Amino acid sequence: MAYAIHLADQNPLLLVTIQRNDHTQRLCSAVSRIWDTPEFQIKEDVGSAIGHLIEQNLQGHMICPDLMIIDLESCNLDAQALFGTLRSVSGLRRVPVVALIDTASADMRDKIYDAGADLVVAWENLEYRIGDIAGLVVDNWLNTESV
């Protein structure tokens, strides 16, 4: 099954799960430092994001985001179940996932990495880690065959 992907000279498609408006604005501002006009698909929770992808795929609009950003503050699932679900959805298996967390505790970061996140970022460090987030997208572009 072929998915439309973005090329390296384009702006990325970012699938974001986030509830708080102040977090949404902060994320959009940080990302706009890297890309002029990234395409955001913002959903309130992971279930809505997965449902959106499945619905689009069933309608023949094969969407594969370049990056998925999950605000774990608004996620009620445990990390292991969350990433297991994400990796089981067609179109998300190879998509890099950034987990945004409220605390920078090493124990919390380790649990989320062990569950399958590609990058874990504390909200307080978002602006400092935006280059790492961009690197995941570029790496994904370079390691994905275009269709």
C-alpha atoms as a PDB file:
ATOM      1  CA  MET A   1       0.000   0.000   0.000  1.00  0.00           C
ATOM      2  CA  ALA A   2       1.480   3.357  -1.017  1.00  0.00           C
ATOM      3  CA  TYR A   3       1.321   6.448   1.139  1.00  0.00           C
ATOM      4  CA  ALA A   4       1.909  10.018   0.087  1.00  0.00           C
ATOM      5  CA  ILE A   5       4.998  11.362   1.787  1.00  0.00           C
ATOM      6  CA  HIS A   6       6.541  14.774   1.777  1.00  0.00           C
ATOM      7  CA  LEU A   7       9.874  15.494   0.138  1.00  0.00           C
ATOM      8  CA  ALA A   8      12.788  17.142   1.909  1.00  0.00           C
ATOM      9  CA  ASP A   9      12.177  20.492   0.182  1.00  0.00           C
ATOM     10  CA  GLN A  10       8.623  20.624   1.502  1.00  0.00           C
ATOM     11  CA  ASN A  11       7.123  21.380   4.867  1.00  0.00           C
ATOM     12  CA  PRO A  12       6.241  18.356   6.998  1.00  0.00           C
ATOM     13  CA  LEU A  13       2.883  16.891   7.893  1.00  0.00           C
ATOM     14  CA  LEU A  14       2.704  16.748  11.687  1.00  0.00           C
ATOM     15  CA  LEU A  15       0.002  14.754  13.454  1.00  0.00           C
ATOM     16  CA  VAL A  16      -0.312  16.214  16.951  1.00  0.00           C
ATOM     17  CA  THR A  17      -2.357  15.164  19.967  1.00  0.00           C
ATOM     18  CA  ILE A  18      -2.758  18.042  22.371  1.00  0.00           C
ATOM     19  CA  GLN A  19      -5.565  19.575  24.411  1.00  0.00           C
ATOM     20  CA  ARG A  20      -4.300  22.788  25.954  1.00  0.00           C
ATOM     21  CA  ASN A  21      -4.378  25.875  23.719  1.00  0.00           C
ATOM     22  CA  ASP A  22      -1.274  27.360  25.346  1.00  0.00           C
ATOM     23  CA  HIS A  23       0.643  24.165  24.558  1.00  0.00           C
ATOM     24  CA  THR A  24      -0.644  24.192  20.979  1.00  0.00           C
ATOM     25  CA  GLN A  25       0.520  27.778  20.484  1.00  0.00           C
ATOM     26  CA  ARG A  26       3.894  27.052  22.050  1.00  0.00           C
ATOM     27  CA  LEU A  27       4.439  24.013  19.842  1.00  0.00           C
ATOM     28  CA  CYS A  28       3.372  25.825  16.664  1.00  0.00           C
ATOM     29  CA  SER A  29       5.693  28.709  17.494  1.00  0.00           C
ATOM     30  CA  ALA A  30       8.667  26.417  18.121  1.00  0.00           C
ATOM     31  CA  VAL A  31       8.098  24.384  14.955  1.00  0.00           C
ATOM     32  CA  SER A  32       7.718  27.527  12.828  1.00  0.00           C
ATOM     33  CA  ARG A  33      11.347  28.330  13.658  1.00  0.00           C
ATOM     34  CA  ILE A  34      12.335  25.339  11.522  1.00  0.00           C
ATOM     35  CA  TRP A  35       9.683  25.206   8.764  1.00  0.00           C
ATOM     36  CA  ASP A  36       7.784  28.070   7.146  1.00  0.00           C
ATOM     37  CA  THR A  37       4.393  26.429   6.926  1.00  0.00           C
ATOM     38  CA  PRO A  38       4.244  22.964   8.422  1.00  0.00           C
ATOM     39  CA  GLU A  39       0.918  21.224   8.003  1.00  0.00           C
ATOM     40  CA  PHE A  40      -0.597  20.457  11.389  1.00  0.00           C
ATOM     41  CA  GLN A  41      -3.361  17.962  11.993  1.00  0.00           C
ATOM     42  CA  ILE A  42      -4.193  18.551  15.636  1.00  0.00           C
ATOM     43  CA  LYS A  43      -6.432  16.134  17.537  1.00  0.00           C
ATOM     44  CA  GLU A  44      -7.391  16.198  21.200  1.00  0.00           C
ATOM     45  CA  ASP A  45      -6.207  12.700  21.990  1.00  0.00           C
ATOM     46  CA  VAL A  46      -4.460   9.673  20.553  1.00  0.00           C
ATOM     47  CA  GLY A  47      -7.740   7.838  19.909  1.00  0.00           C
ATOM     48  CA  SER A  48      -8.987  10.748  17.794  1.00  0.00           C
ATOM     49  CA  ALA A  49      -5.708  10.863  15.877  1.00  0.00           C
ATOM     50  CA  ILE A  50      -5.766   7.141  15.115  1.00  0.00           C
ATOM     51  CA  GLY A  51      -9.461   7.325  14.213  1.00  0.00           C
ATOM     52  CA  HIS A  52      -8.717  10.216  11.854  1.00  0.00           C
ATOM     53  CA  LEU A  53      -6.003   8.244  10.051  1.00  0.00           C
ATOM     54  CA  ILE A  54      -8.172   5.142   9.744  1.00  0.00           C
ATOM     55  CA  GLU A  55     -11.106   7.195   8.452  1.00  0.00           C
ATOM     56  CA  GLN A  56      -8.928   8.973   5.880  1.00  0.00           C
ATOM     57  CA  ASN A  57      -7.407   5.686   4.746  1.00  0.00           C
ATOM     58  CA  LEU A  58     -10.846   4.064   4.362  1.00  0.00           C
ATOM     59  CA  GLN A  59     -11.915   7.015   2.216  1.00  0.00           C
ATOM     60  CA  GLY A  60      -8.917   6.441  -0.050  1.00  0.00           C
ATOM     61  CA  HIS A  61      -6.821   9.336   1.294  1.00  0.00           C
ATOM     62  CA  MET A  62      -3.705   7.481   2.328  1.00  0.00           C
ATOM     63  CA  ILE A  63      -2.108   9.764   4.895  1.00  0.00           C
ATOM     64  CA  CYS A  64       1.250   9.102   6.465  1.00  0.00           C
ATOM     65  CA  PRO A  65       2.426  11.895   8.716  1.00  0.00           C
ATOM     66  CA  ASP A  66       6.100  12.794   8.735  1.00  0.00           C
ATOM     67  CA  LEU A  67       6.027  12.991  12.532  1.00  0.00           C
ATOM     68  CA  MET A  68       3.599  12.339  15.342  1.00  0.00           C
ATOM     69  CA  ILE A  69       3.809  14.517  18.444  1.00  0.00           C
ATOM     70  CA  ILE A  70       1.952  13.299  21.518  1.00  0.00           C
ATOM     71  CA  ASP A  71       1.318  15.400  24.589  1.00  0.00           C
ATOM     72  CA  LEU A  72       1.382  12.715  27.277  1.00  0.00           C
ATOM     73  CA  GLU A  73      -0.175  15.111  29.777  1.00  0.00           C
ATOM     74  CA  SER A  74      -3.498  14.602  28.004  1.00  0.00           C
ATOM     75  CA  CYS A  75      -3.042  10.863  27.442  1.00  0.00           C
ATOM     76  CA  ASN A  76      -4.796   8.476  29.823  1.00  0.00           C
ATOM     77  CA  LEU A  77      -3.220   5.300  28.426  1.00  0.00           C
ATOM     78  CA  ASP A  78      -0.088   3.788  29.853  1.00  0.00           C
ATOM     79  CA  ALA A  79       2.925   4.342  27.613  1.00  0.00           C
ATOM     80  CA  GLN A  80       3.377   0.662  26.709  1.00  0.00           C
ATOM     81  CA  ALA A  81      -0.246   0.312  25.551  1.00  0.00           C
ATOM     82  CA  LEU A  82      -0.117   3.666  23.754  1.00  0.00           C
ATOM     83  CA  PHE A  83       2.941   2.872  21.655  1.00  0.00           C
ATOM     84  CA  GLY A  84       1.757  -0.683  21.032  1.00  0.00           C
ATOM     85  CA  THR A  85      -1.462   0.755  19.602  1.00  0.00           C
ATOM     86  CA  LEU A  86       0.364   3.355  17.508  1.00  0.00           C
ATOM     87  CA  ARG A  87       2.715   0.804  15.976  1.00  0.00           C
ATOM     88  CA  SER A  88      -0.207  -1.468  15.085  1.00  0.00           C
ATOM     89  CA  VAL A  89      -1.918   1.172  12.910  1.00  0.00           C
ATOM     90  CA  SER A  90      -1.170   1.032   9.205  1.00  0.00           C
ATOM     91  CA  GLY A  91       0.504   4.287   8.250  1.00  0.00           C
ATOM     92  CA  LEU A  92       2.052   4.856  11.677  1.00  0.00           C
ATOM     93  CA  ARG A  93       4.401   1.904  12.029  1.00  0.00           C
ATOM     94  CA  ARG A  94       7.453   3.783  10.751  1.00  0.00           C
ATOM     95  CA  VAL A  95       6.436   7.312  11.721  1.00  0.00           C
ATOM     96  CA  PRO A  96       8.735   8.852  14.334  1.00  0.00           C
ATOM     97  CA  VAL A  97       6.961   9.732  17.577  1.00  0.00           C
ATOM     98  CA  VAL A  98       7.865  12.569  19.924  1.00  0.00           C
ATOM     99  CA  ALA A  99       6.405  12.395  23.427  1.00  0.00           C
ATOM    100  CA  LEU A 100       5.966  15.719  25.223  1.00  0.00           C
ATOM    101  CA  ILE A 101       5.916  15.440  29.007  1.00  0.00           C
ATOM    102  CA  ASP A 102       5.486  17.865  31.892  1.00  0.00           C
ATOM    103  CA  THR A 103       8.397  16.641  33.955  1.00  0.00           C
ATOM    104  CA  ALA A 104      11.972  16.046  32.985  1.00  0.00           C
ATOM    105  CA  SER A 105      12.470  13.138  35.407  1.00  0.00           C
ATOM    106  CA  ALA A 106      14.906  10.531  34.137  1.00  0.00           C
ATOM    107  CA  ASP A 107      12.663   7.695  35.317  1.00  0.00           C
ATOM    108  CA  MET A 108       9.684   8.999  33.302  1.00  0.00           C
ATOM    109  CA  ARG A 109      11.837   9.541  30.194  1.00  0.00           C
ATOM    110  CA  ASP A 110      13.272   6.024  30.440  1.00  0.00           C
ATOM    111  CA  LYS A 111       9.808   4.444  30.707  1.00  0.00           C
ATOM    112  CA  ILE A 112       8.580   6.328  27.644  1.00  0.00           C
ATOM    113  CA  TYR A 113      11.686   5.474  25.596  1.00  0.00           C
ATOM    114  CA  ASP A 114      11.322   1.826  26.628  1.00  0.00           C
ATOM    115  CA  ALA A 115       7.693   1.920  25.467  1.00  0.00           C
ATOM    116  CA  GLY A 116       8.760   3.024  21.983  1.00  0.00           C
ATOM    117  CA  ALA A 117       9.065   6.821  21.706  1.00  0.00           C
ATOM    118  CA  ASP A 118      11.722   8.086  19.318  1.00  0.00           C
ATOM    119  CA  LEU A 119      12.234  11.268  21.356  1.00  0.00           C
ATOM    120  CA  VAL A 120      11.001  12.401  24.766  1.00  0.00           C
ATOM    121  CA  VAL A 121      10.927  16.143  25.424  1.00  0.00           C
ATOM    122  CA  ALA A 122       9.893  17.981  28.569  1.00  0.00           C
ATOM    123  CA  TRP A 123       7.697  20.984  27.763  1.00  0.00           C
ATOM    124  CA  GLU A 124      10.187  23.216  29.552  1.00  0.00           C
ATOM    125  CA  ASN A 125      12.884  22.128  27.052  1.00  0.00           C
ATOM    126  CA  LEU A 126      10.800  22.265  23.861  1.00  0.00           C
ATOM    127  CA  GLU A 127      12.523  25.278  22.332  1.00  0.00           C
ATOM    128  CA  TYR A 128      15.963  23.766  23.019  1.00  0.00           C
ATOM    129  CA  ARG A 129      15.041  20.408  21.463  1.00  0.00           C
ATOM    130  CA  ILE A 130      13.324  21.660  18.291  1.00  0.00           C
ATOM    131  CA  GLY A 131      16.443  20.802  16.265  1.00  0.00           C
ATOM    132  CA  ASP A 132      16.240  17.198  17.487  1.00  0.00           C
ATOM    133  CA  ILE A 133      12.580  17.087  16.463  1.00  0.00           C
ATOM    134  CA  ALA A 134      13.453  18.427  13.007  1.00  0.00           C
ATOM    135  CA  GLY A 135      16.196  15.810  12.753  1.00  0.00           C
ATOM    136  CA  LEU A 136      13.648  13.012  13.203  1.00  0.00           C
ATOM    137  CA  VAL A 137      11.603  14.380  10.303  1.00  0.00           C
ATOM    138  CA  VAL A 138      14.600  14.752   7.987  1.00  0.00           C
ATOM    139  CA  ASP A 139      15.858  11.290   8.917  1.00  0.00           C
ATOM    140  CA  ASN A 140      12.390   9.899   8.163  1.00  0.00           C
ATOM    141  CA  TRP A 141      12.409  11.632   4.765  1.00  0.00           C
ATOM    142  CA  LEU A 142      15.855  10.289   3.935  1.00  0.00           C
ATOM    143  CA  ASN A 143      14.982   6.732   4.938  1.00  0.00           C
ATOM    144  CA  THR A 144      11.592   6.536   3.210  1.00  0.00           C
ATOM    145  CA  GLU A 145      11.179   5.699  -0.440  1.00  0.00           C
ATOM    146  CA  SER A 146       9.046   8.202  -2.298  1.00  0.00           C
ATOM    147  CA  VAL A 147       5.952   6.958  -4.108  1.00  0.00           C
END
